[in-house]
Amino acid sequence: MAVTDDAIDKIKSMIVAGEFAPGTRLPKEDDLAQRLGLSRSSLREAVRALTAMQILITKQGDGTYVSSLEPHLLLQTLSFASDVSSGETALQLLQVRRLLEPPATALATARVTEDDLAALREILQRSRAATGVEEFIRCDMEFHRTLVALVANPVLSMLLEILSTQTQRVRILRGTRVGRAIEHVHREHEAILTALESRDPQLAASASAVHVAAVEQWLADSLQTVPEGKSDAQNTDRADRNAG
């Protein structure tokens, strides 16, 4: 693995140094292996790893290319970390979300149009009509995704989506008293939309902060109820069965 890691670092260094610009086709395998002082097998392992990171793209029958290296593209590989996060790690992700989402919501007040407000209102109506947790979470994510998209910063949008994925949201919600939690979310979403309609950045930031802090508190409370000797995963499973 150390040899493969070294190969990965060497290719990354060449990209950072500008030897391989975004969109550039890498040299043939034999030539690149010789240039880096690597075996072909080590180079292949490195290319596979960098492809998984979306740093490289392999085109069947054409070769391997450096990707666009756009930050939002590279960040996509981090979403799995949020999906599998639990306990304190999940709580830390939500704390970062609380730092980013309220100011983004405030910025959205200067960009939101009447059509945008109508779209957000329609999402909330579907959210109210949702018949299950998964359907409600899909509407929840769509609401936040649509709102943050108003800022027109794809890096920010991707970061916020990573910080609270659908899998993570379902797990947190099912670790609470579901019906009551959903009703709270409806009220908090309405408060955010009202602030956007008023074009009031401070009110929008405050409403968003209250909403994200509530989710953070639900998770913190659920962590405190983990019985001694049981893992967070076991507690989540128990909550899922109770909420099912």
Protein backbone atom coordinates (compact mmCIF):
# COMPACT_ATOMS: atom_id res chain seq x y z
CA MET A 1 0.00 0.00 0.00
CA ALA A 2 2.92 2.35 0.74
CA VAL A 3 4.10 2.04 -2.88
CA THR A 4 0.60 2.83 -4.16
CA ASP A 5 0.31 5.80 -1.82
CA ASP A 6 3.64 7.07 -3.15
CA ALA A 7 2.35 6.71 -6.71
CA ILE A 8 -0.81 8.64 -5.82
CA ASP A 9 1.25 11.43 -4.26
CA LYS A 10 3.52 11.64 -7.31
CA ILE A 11 0.62 11.97 -9.75
CA LYS A 12 -1.09 14.53 -7.49
CA SER A 13 2.14 16.54 -7.31
CA MET A 14 2.38 16.62 -11.10
CA ILE A 15 -1.21 17.86 -11.33
CA VAL A 16 -0.64 20.53 -8.67
CA ALA A 17 2.58 21.64 -10.43
CA GLY A 18 0.64 22.09 -13.65
CA GLU A 19 2.33 19.29 -15.58
CA PHE A 20 -1.09 17.72 -16.11
CA ALA A 21 -3.74 20.40 -16.48
CA PRO A 22 -7.49 19.69 -16.16
CA GLY A 23 -8.65 17.73 -19.20
CA THR A 24 -5.14 16.54 -20.07
CA ARG A 25 -4.70 12.95 -21.26
CA LEU A 26 -2.10 11.07 -19.22
CA PRO A 27 0.85 9.50 -21.05
CA LYS A 28 0.70 5.82 -21.96
CA GLU A 29 0.95 3.48 -18.99
CA ASP A 30 4.48 2.25 -19.79
CA ASP A 31 5.79 5.78 -20.32
CA LEU A 32 4.21 7.17 -17.15
CA ALA A 33 5.33 4.21 -15.02
CA GLN A 34 8.89 4.65 -16.22
CA ARG A 35 8.75 8.41 -15.69
CA LEU A 36 7.56 7.96 -12.10
CA GLY A 37 9.83 5.03 -11.34
CA LEU A 38 6.89 2.73 -10.64
CA SER A 39 5.77 -0.71 -11.64
CA ARG A 40 2.76 -0.89 -13.94
CA SER A 41 0.72 -2.61 -11.21
CA SER A 42 1.44 0.18 -8.70
CA LEU A 43 0.53 2.79 -11.30
CA ARG A 44 -2.76 1.02 -12.06
CA GLU A 45 -3.66 0.94 -8.37
CA ALA A 46 -2.90 4.64 -8.09
CA VAL A 47 -5.00 5.45 -11.16
CA ARG A 48 -7.91 3.43 -9.76
CA ALA A 49 -7.71 5.30 -6.46
CA LEU A 50 -7.48 8.72 -8.14
CA THR A 51 -10.40 7.81 -10.40
CA ALA A 52 -12.49 6.97 -7.34
CA MET A 53 -11.59 10.43 -5.99
CA GLN A 54 -12.70 11.91 -9.36
CA ILE A 55 -9.26 13.42 -9.85
CA LEU A 56 -8.80 11.21 -12.91
CA ILE A 57 -11.37 9.97 -15.43
CA THR A 58 -10.87 6.79 -17.44
CA LYS A 59 -12.47 6.71 -20.87
CA GLN A 60 -12.85 3.20 -22.27
CA GLY A 61 -10.65 2.74 -25.34
CA ASP A 62 -9.35 6.30 -25.14
CA GLY A 63 -7.16 6.57 -22.08
CA THR A 64 -7.05 8.31 -18.72
CA TYR A 65 -7.59 12.04 -18.32
CA VAL A 66 -7.32 14.57 -15.54
CA SER A 67 -10.85 15.60 -14.55
CA SER A 68 -12.08 19.19 -14.54
CA LEU A 69 -10.92 19.33 -10.91
CA GLU A 70 -13.89 21.51 -10.04
CA PRO A 71 -14.20 21.64 -6.23
CA HIS A 72 -17.86 20.56 -6.19
CA LEU A 73 -16.92 17.51 -8.29
CA LEU A 74 -14.11 16.49 -5.95
CA LEU A 75 -16.27 17.04 -2.88
CA GLN A 76 -18.82 14.45 -4.04
CA THR A 77 -16.57 11.66 -2.79
CA LEU A 78 -16.98 12.95 0.76
CA SER A 79 -20.72 12.31 0.87
CA PHE A 80 -20.17 8.71 1.95
CA ALA A 81 -18.47 9.98 5.11
CA SER A 82 -21.68 11.79 6.03
CA ASP A 83 -23.83 8.78 5.13
CA VAL A 84 -21.96 6.51 7.55
CA SER A 85 -21.30 9.10 10.25
CA SER A 86 -22.74 8.51 13.68
CA GLY A 87 -22.35 9.75 17.24
CA GLU A 88 -20.02 12.67 17.77
CA THR A 89 -18.90 12.68 14.14
CA ALA A 90 -22.45 13.28 12.89
CA LEU A 91 -22.85 16.00 15.51
CA GLN A 92 -19.65 17.70 14.34
CA LEU A 93 -20.90 17.68 10.74
CA LEU A 94 -24.11 19.39 11.86
CA GLN A 95 -22.10 21.98 13.78
CA VAL A 96 -20.26 22.88 10.57
CA ARG A 97 -23.60 23.04 8.74
CA ARG A 98 -24.82 25.52 11.37
CA LEU A 99 -21.83 27.75 10.58
CA LEU A 100 -22.52 27.74 6.83
CA GLU A 101 -26.26 27.52 6.20
CA PRO A 102 -27.59 30.61 8.06
CA PRO A 103 -25.31 33.09 6.23
CA ALA A 104 -26.13 31.34 2.95
CA THR A 105 -29.84 31.78 3.70
CA ALA A 106 -29.22 35.46 4.44
CA LEU A 107 -27.48 35.88 1.07
CA ALA A 108 -30.43 34.20 -0.65
CA THR A 109 -32.76 37.04 0.41
CA ALA A 110 -31.02 39.37 -2.04
CA ARG A 111 -31.40 36.94 -4.94
CA VAL A 112 -34.76 35.27 -4.44
CA THR A 113 -37.44 36.01 -7.03
CA GLU A 114 -41.20 35.60 -6.90
CA ASP A 115 -40.84 32.45 -9.00
CA ASP A 116 -38.28 31.10 -6.52
CA LEU A 117 -40.62 31.81 -3.63
CA ALA A 118 -43.44 30.04 -5.43
CA ALA A 119 -41.20 27.02 -6.01
CA LEU A 120 -40.19 26.91 -2.34
CA ARG A 121 -43.84 27.23 -1.28
CA GLU A 122 -44.78 24.31 -3.55
CA ILE A 123 -42.06 22.16 -1.97
CA LEU A 124 -43.38 22.93 1.50
CA GLN A 125 -46.88 21.99 0.42
CA ARG A 126 -45.61 18.63 -0.79
CA SER A 127 -43.69 18.28 2.45
CA ARG A 128 -46.92 18.79 4.42
CA ALA A 129 -48.62 16.11 2.31
CA ALA A 130 -45.78 13.58 2.68
CA THR A 131 -46.99 10.22 4.00
CA GLY A 132 -43.69 8.76 5.19
CA VAL A 133 -40.32 9.73 6.65
CA GLU A 134 -38.38 9.13 3.42
CA GLU A 135 -40.80 11.22 1.35
CA PHE A 136 -40.68 14.00 3.92
CA ILE A 137 -36.85 13.94 3.92
CA ARG A 138 -36.76 14.16 0.12
CA CYS A 139 -38.88 17.32 0.30
CA ASP A 140 -36.73 18.64 3.15
CA MET A 141 -33.56 18.20 1.09
CA GLU A 142 -35.18 19.72 -1.99
CA PHE A 143 -36.21 22.78 0.03
CA HIS A 144 -32.70 23.36 1.36
CA ARG A 145 -31.05 22.54 -1.98
CA THR A 146 -33.30 25.00 -3.83
CA LEU A 147 -32.70 27.68 -1.22
CA VAL A 148 -28.90 27.37 -1.19
CA ALA A 149 -28.80 27.23 -5.02
CA LEU A 150 -29.99 30.85 -4.98
CA VAL A 151 -26.52 31.85 -3.76
CA ALA A 152 -25.11 30.47 -7.05
CA ASN A 153 -22.08 28.87 -5.42
CA PRO A 154 -21.86 25.16 -6.35
CA VAL A 155 -19.07 24.54 -3.84
CA LEU A 156 -21.24 25.82 -1.01
CA SER A 157 -24.21 23.82 -2.28
CA MET A 158 -22.19 20.62 -2.40
CA LEU A 159 -20.66 21.20 1.03
CA LEU A 160 -24.05 21.70 2.64
CA GLU A 161 -25.48 18.63 0.93
CA ILE A 162 -22.53 16.56 2.16
CA LEU A 163 -22.92 17.87 5.71
CA SER A 164 -26.46 16.49 5.90
CA THR A 165 -27.22 13.70 3.44
CA GLN A 166 -30.55 11.94 3.05
CA THR A 167 -29.26 8.89 4.92
CA GLN A 168 -28.08 11.00 7.84
CA ARG A 169 -31.34 12.98 8.01
CA VAL A 170 -33.48 9.85 8.07
CA ARG A 171 -31.38 8.37 10.87
CA ILE A 172 -31.56 11.53 12.97
CA LEU A 173 -35.30 11.99 12.44
CA ARG A 174 -36.06 8.39 13.30
CA GLY A 175 -34.09 8.79 16.50
CA THR A 176 -36.67 11.35 17.69
CA ARG A 177 -40.42 11.42 18.26
CA VAL A 178 -41.05 11.49 14.53
CA GLY A 179 -44.49 13.12 14.34
CA ARG A 180 -43.59 15.92 16.72
CA ALA A 181 -40.19 16.48 15.07
CA ILE A 182 -41.74 16.76 11.60
CA GLU A 183 -44.25 19.33 12.85
CA HIS A 184 -41.38 21.39 14.28
CA VAL A 185 -39.59 21.22 10.93
CA HIS A 186 -42.71 22.43 9.11
CA ARG A 187 -42.90 25.46 11.38
CA GLU A 188 -39.18 26.19 11.02
CA HIS A 189 -39.35 25.93 7.23
CA GLU A 190 -42.31 28.31 7.20
CA ALA A 191 -40.30 30.79 9.28
CA ILE A 192 -37.42 30.61 6.79
CA LEU A 193 -39.77 31.15 3.86
CA THR A 194 -41.47 34.08 5.58
CA ALA A 195 -38.06 35.71 6.10
CA LEU A 196 -37.21 35.19 2.44
CA GLU A 197 -40.54 36.72 1.42
CA SER A 198 -39.71 39.73 3.60
CA ARG A 199 -36.25 39.98 2.01
CA ASP A 200 -34.87 40.27 5.55
CA PRO A 201 -31.35 38.79 5.72
CA GLN A 202 -31.03 38.93 9.51
CA LEU A 203 -34.40 37.28 10.04
CA ALA A 204 -33.55 34.64 7.41
CA ALA A 205 -30.22 33.84 9.06
CA SER A 206 -31.88 33.61 12.48
CA ALA A 207 -34.66 31.32 11.23
CA SER A 208 -32.11 29.07 9.52
CA ALA A 209 -29.91 28.96 12.63
CA VAL A 210 -32.87 27.95 14.80
CA HIS A 211 -33.76 25.18 12.35
CA VAL A 212 -30.27 23.67 12.09
CA ALA A 213 -29.67 24.04 15.84
CA ALA A 214 -32.88 22.07 16.50
CA VAL A 215 -31.66 19.18 14.35
CA GLU A 216 -28.33 19.33 16.13
CA GLN A 217 -30.09 19.22 19.49
CA TRP A 218 -32.19 16.19 18.45
CA LEU A 219 -29.02 14.31 17.64
CA ALA A 220 -27.30 15.42 20.84
CA ASP A 221 -30.31 14.28 22.88
CA SER A 222 -30.39 10.90 21.12
CA LEU A 223 -26.70 10.37 21.91
CA GLN A 224 -27.40 10.91 25.60
CA THR A 225 -29.98 8.12 25.57
CA VAL A 226 -27.57 5.44 24.34
CA PRO A 227 -27.59 2.73 27.05
CA GLU A 228 -24.25 1.93 28.60
CA GLY A 229 -22.46 -0.77 26.64
CA LYS A 230 -24.48 -0.20 23.46
CA SER A 231 -23.14 1.44 20.33
CA ASP A 232 -24.68 4.42 18.53
CA ALA A 233 -25.50 2.10 15.65
CA GLN A 234 -27.46 -0.21 17.99
CA ASN A 235 -29.36 2.75 19.38
CA THR A 236 -30.14 3.99 15.86
CA ASP A 237 -31.43 0.54 14.90
CA ARG A 238 -33.67 0.50 17.98
CA ALA A 239 -34.99 3.99 17.13
CA ASP A 240 -35.65 2.93 13.55
CA ARG A 241 -37.75 -0.04 14.71
CA ASN A 242 -39.71 2.10 17.14
CA ALA A 243 -40.40 4.76 14.50
CA GLY A 244 -41.11 2.33 11.68
